[in-house]
Amino acid sequence: MRHRQAIALAAVALVGLTGCEGPDPNNLETYYDDPVTTSAPAPAPAEARVSQAQAAPVKPPAPDLGPLAERALLTDADVAEEGVQPGAGEASGCLTAAVSATSRTASWRYPSGSVLSHRVAAYPEPAAAQAVASAECAGREVTVPAQSGVEVQRAWCEGKTCTVLLAKGMLVSGLTVSASTEARAVDAAKRLLPAMTAKLAAQP
């Protein structure tokens, strides 16, 4: 009988020892894992700059005003009755040296050696009338027949060179005649004014 009691006590003791190796029910660390913290990555500076660039408005390119000036320029056919031939050279006279960066020029020569020049300049804004109205040209102002369809019209003569300026919309049309006398220069300008005005008035 004592032998059986000893065996039973030994078994109980063995169970108690093996139970010590398991998790402690009072220790919360054995039942819960450490919490894992996560955070969203901040956007890269490069990405932010790209987004701002995409949001910026894109300005349309400035229109090319050269073709507009080209259409208002006198042609060989327009001056054929003057008996002139195409000749090299830039327009001269009041306000024709540098009216604007966008301009077109044509020149002709009379058999006598007189020179006829026509230049049409386009402005990026409707400031052509103001440019002609405020022009201060050398020489004296002369009177030429008033032309309909233009906003401003002025004419000057300096020596034997006379210049007529017309303005409409974005265009300034300048006709210069250098002749043997002032009277001849004025007469040539008067003859060409209708063709010059028609070309200018036909433009928007």
Protein backbone atom coordinates (compact mmCIF):
# COMPACT_ATOMS: atom_id res chain seq x y z
CA MET A 1 0.00 0.00 0.00
CA ARG A 2 2.81 2.38 0.80
CA HIS A 3 4.41 1.53 -2.51
CA ARG A 4 1.27 2.67 -4.45
CA GLN A 5 1.11 5.95 -2.50
CA ALA A 6 4.71 6.70 -3.33
CA ILE A 7 4.08 6.17 -7.03
CA ALA A 8 1.04 8.46 -6.95
CA LEU A 9 2.95 11.25 -5.20
CA ALA A 10 5.75 10.97 -7.72
CA ALA A 11 3.29 11.32 -10.61
CA VAL A 12 1.72 14.43 -9.09
CA ALA A 13 5.13 15.98 -8.60
CA LEU A 14 6.06 15.29 -12.24
CA VAL A 15 2.86 16.92 -13.49
CA GLY A 16 3.60 20.00 -11.39
CA LEU A 17 7.10 20.32 -12.84
CA THR A 18 5.96 20.03 -16.45
CA GLY A 19 3.19 22.61 -15.84
CA CYS A 20 5.77 25.21 -14.89
CA GLU A 21 7.17 25.18 -18.44
CA GLY A 22 3.87 26.46 -20.02
CA PRO A 23 2.76 30.06 -20.34
CA ASP A 24 1.93 31.97 -17.23
CA PRO A 25 -1.78 32.81 -17.32
CA ASN A 26 -1.10 35.99 -15.34
CA ASN A 27 1.56 37.25 -17.79
CA LEU A 28 -0.17 39.29 -20.53
CA GLU A 29 3.02 39.44 -22.62
CA THR A 30 2.62 35.77 -23.41
CA TYR A 31 -0.80 36.33 -25.02
CA TYR A 32 -0.38 39.63 -26.93
CA ASP A 33 2.17 40.62 -29.57
CA ASP A 34 3.80 44.03 -29.58
CA PRO A 35 1.64 46.53 -31.54
CA VAL A 36 2.94 47.48 -34.98
CA THR A 37 2.71 51.18 -35.88
CA THR A 38 2.37 52.19 -39.54
CA SER A 39 2.28 55.64 -41.14
CA ALA A 40 1.70 56.76 -44.75
CA PRO A 41 4.88 58.04 -46.45
CA ALA A 42 5.03 61.78 -47.09
CA PRO A 43 4.85 62.77 -50.76
CA ALA A 44 8.22 63.35 -52.34
CA PRO A 45 9.09 67.02 -53.01
CA ALA A 46 9.58 66.23 -56.69
CA GLU A 47 6.05 64.89 -56.97
CA ALA A 48 4.67 68.03 -55.33
CA ARG A 49 6.55 70.24 -57.80
CA VAL A 50 5.24 68.25 -60.75
CA SER A 51 1.67 68.62 -59.49
CA GLN A 52 2.07 72.39 -59.18
CA ALA A 53 3.53 72.62 -62.68
CA GLN A 54 0.64 70.67 -64.14
CA ALA A 55 -1.85 72.94 -62.41
CA ALA A 56 -0.29 76.15 -63.79
CA PRO A 57 -2.22 77.60 -66.76
CA VAL A 58 -0.49 77.50 -70.13
CA LYS A 59 -0.44 80.78 -72.03
CA PRO A 60 -1.28 80.52 -75.73
CA PRO A 61 1.47 81.60 -78.11
CA ALA A 62 1.33 85.12 -79.47
CA PRO A 63 -0.22 85.29 -82.94
CA ASP A 64 2.05 85.89 -85.93
CA LEU A 65 1.06 89.29 -87.31
CA GLY A 66 3.41 89.12 -90.29
CA PRO A 67 0.80 87.67 -92.70
CA LEU A 68 -1.62 90.44 -91.72
CA ALA A 69 0.92 93.09 -92.69
CA GLU A 70 1.73 91.19 -95.89
CA ARG A 71 -1.87 91.34 -97.09
CA ALA A 72 -1.99 95.14 -96.71
CA LEU A 73 1.24 95.71 -98.64
CA LEU A 74 1.11 97.23 -102.12
CA THR A 75 2.11 94.88 -104.93
CA ASP A 76 3.66 95.43 -108.36
CA ALA A 77 0.17 95.35 -109.86
CA ASP A 78 -1.03 98.09 -107.50
CA VAL A 79 1.69 100.52 -108.65
CA ALA A 80 1.94 99.44 -112.29
CA GLU A 81 0.37 102.68 -113.59
CA GLU A 82 3.24 104.65 -112.02
CA GLY A 83 5.67 103.11 -114.51
CA VAL A 84 7.99 101.94 -111.72
CA GLN A 85 10.19 98.88 -111.44
CA PRO A 86 10.91 96.86 -108.26
CA GLY A 87 13.97 98.22 -106.51
CA ALA A 88 15.95 97.31 -103.43
CA GLY A 89 15.91 99.49 -100.37
CA GLU A 90 14.08 100.07 -97.13
CA ALA A 91 11.26 102.52 -96.62
CA SER A 92 12.40 105.95 -95.51
CA GLY A 93 10.65 108.97 -94.08
CA CYS A 94 8.66 109.68 -90.95
CA LEU A 95 7.88 106.73 -88.68
CA THR A 96 8.97 104.14 -91.25
CA ALA A 97 12.43 103.33 -89.87
CA ALA A 98 11.25 101.14 -87.00
CA VAL A 99 7.49 101.10 -86.68
CA SER A 100 7.43 97.62 -85.19
CA ALA A 101 9.29 94.32 -85.28
CA THR A 102 6.56 92.77 -87.45
CA SER A 103 6.48 94.61 -90.76
CA ARG A 104 6.66 94.16 -94.52
CA THR A 105 8.32 96.52 -97.00
CA ALA A 106 8.30 96.95 -100.78
CA SER A 107 10.23 99.48 -102.88
CA TRP A 108 10.15 100.64 -106.50
CA ARG A 109 12.07 103.09 -108.71
CA TYR A 110 10.78 105.53 -111.30
CA PRO A 111 12.64 105.90 -114.62
CA SER A 112 13.62 109.38 -113.41
CA GLY A 113 15.37 107.92 -110.39
CA SER A 114 12.68 108.80 -107.86
CA VAL A 115 11.99 106.18 -105.20
CA LEU A 116 8.66 104.84 -103.96
CA SER A 117 8.53 102.83 -100.73
CA HIS A 118 5.65 101.24 -98.89
CA ARG A 119 5.81 99.69 -95.46
CA VAL A 120 3.06 98.06 -93.39
CA ALA A 121 3.74 97.39 -89.71
CA ALA A 122 1.62 95.29 -87.37
CA TYR A 123 1.30 95.93 -83.66
CA PRO A 124 0.53 93.17 -81.10
CA GLU A 125 -2.23 95.38 -79.71
CA PRO A 126 -4.58 97.88 -81.40
CA ALA A 127 -2.16 100.78 -80.90
CA ALA A 128 -1.63 101.72 -84.53
CA ALA A 129 -3.90 104.75 -84.39
CA GLN A 130 -2.13 106.07 -81.31
CA ALA A 131 1.26 105.63 -82.96
CA VAL A 132 0.25 107.72 -85.97
CA ALA A 133 -1.63 110.32 -83.95
CA SER A 134 1.32 110.92 -81.61
CA ALA A 135 4.03 110.81 -84.29
CA GLU A 136 6.37 113.80 -84.38
CA CYS A 137 7.94 113.92 -87.81
CA ALA A 138 10.46 116.31 -89.28
CA GLY A 139 9.35 118.73 -91.96
CA ARG A 140 5.89 120.18 -92.29
CA GLU A 141 2.48 118.58 -92.39
CA VAL A 142 0.73 118.62 -95.74
CA THR A 143 -2.86 118.03 -96.76
CA VAL A 144 -3.86 115.04 -98.85
CA PRO A 145 -7.38 113.83 -99.71
CA ALA A 146 -9.08 112.23 -96.71
CA GLN A 147 -9.55 108.49 -97.04
CA SER A 148 -12.56 106.58 -95.72
CA GLY A 149 -12.12 103.32 -93.85
CA VAL A 150 -9.08 104.43 -91.85
CA GLU A 151 -8.86 105.63 -88.26
CA VAL A 152 -6.03 108.17 -88.48
CA GLN A 153 -4.39 109.83 -91.50
CA ARG A 154 -1.41 112.21 -91.52
CA ALA A 155 1.16 113.39 -94.07
CA TRP A 156 4.50 115.24 -93.94
CA CYS A 157 7.05 116.53 -96.39
CA GLU A 158 10.71 117.11 -95.62
CA GLY A 159 12.56 118.55 -98.58
CA LYS A 160 11.75 116.40 -101.62
CA THR A 161 10.54 113.40 -99.58
CA CYS A 162 6.90 113.06 -98.56
CA THR A 163 5.33 110.44 -96.31
CA VAL A 164 1.69 109.51 -95.78
CA LEU A 165 0.70 107.44 -92.75
CA LEU A 166 -2.61 105.61 -92.35
CA ALA A 167 -3.75 103.60 -89.34
CA LYS A 168 -6.48 101.01 -88.93
CA GLY A 169 -6.84 98.32 -86.28
CA MET A 170 -3.42 96.83 -85.65
CA LEU A 171 -1.79 98.17 -88.83
CA VAL A 172 0.18 101.27 -89.77
CA SER A 173 0.59 101.79 -93.51
CA GLY A 174 3.31 104.21 -94.57
CA LEU A 175 3.94 105.42 -98.13
CA THR A 176 7.08 107.43 -98.88
CA VAL A 177 7.96 109.11 -102.17
CA SER A 178 11.33 110.73 -102.82
CA ALA A 179 11.15 112.74 -106.05
CA SER A 180 12.93 115.61 -107.79
CA THR A 181 10.55 118.13 -106.19
CA GLU A 182 8.15 118.20 -103.27
CA ALA A 183 5.21 118.77 -105.59
CA ARG A 184 6.02 115.63 -107.59
CA ALA A 185 6.31 113.61 -104.39
CA VAL A 186 2.95 114.84 -103.11
CA ASP A 187 1.25 114.15 -106.45
CA ALA A 188 2.55 110.57 -106.52
CA ALA A 189 1.37 109.98 -102.96
CA LYS A 190 -2.10 111.30 -103.83
CA ARG A 191 -2.35 108.96 -106.82
CA LEU A 192 -1.46 105.91 -104.73
CA LEU A 193 -3.60 106.74 -101.70
CA PRO A 194 -6.75 104.94 -102.95
CA ALA A 195 -4.91 101.65 -103.55
CA MET A 196 -3.08 101.99 -100.26
CA THR A 197 -6.33 102.64 -98.39
CA ALA A 198 -8.20 99.77 -100.07
CA LYS A 199 -5.53 97.28 -99.02
CA LEU A 200 -5.56 98.56 -95.44
CA ALA A 201 -9.35 98.74 -95.10
CA ALA A 202 -9.72 95.14 -96.29
CA GLN A 203 -7.84 93.83 -93.24
CA PRO A 204 -9.59 92.96 -89.95
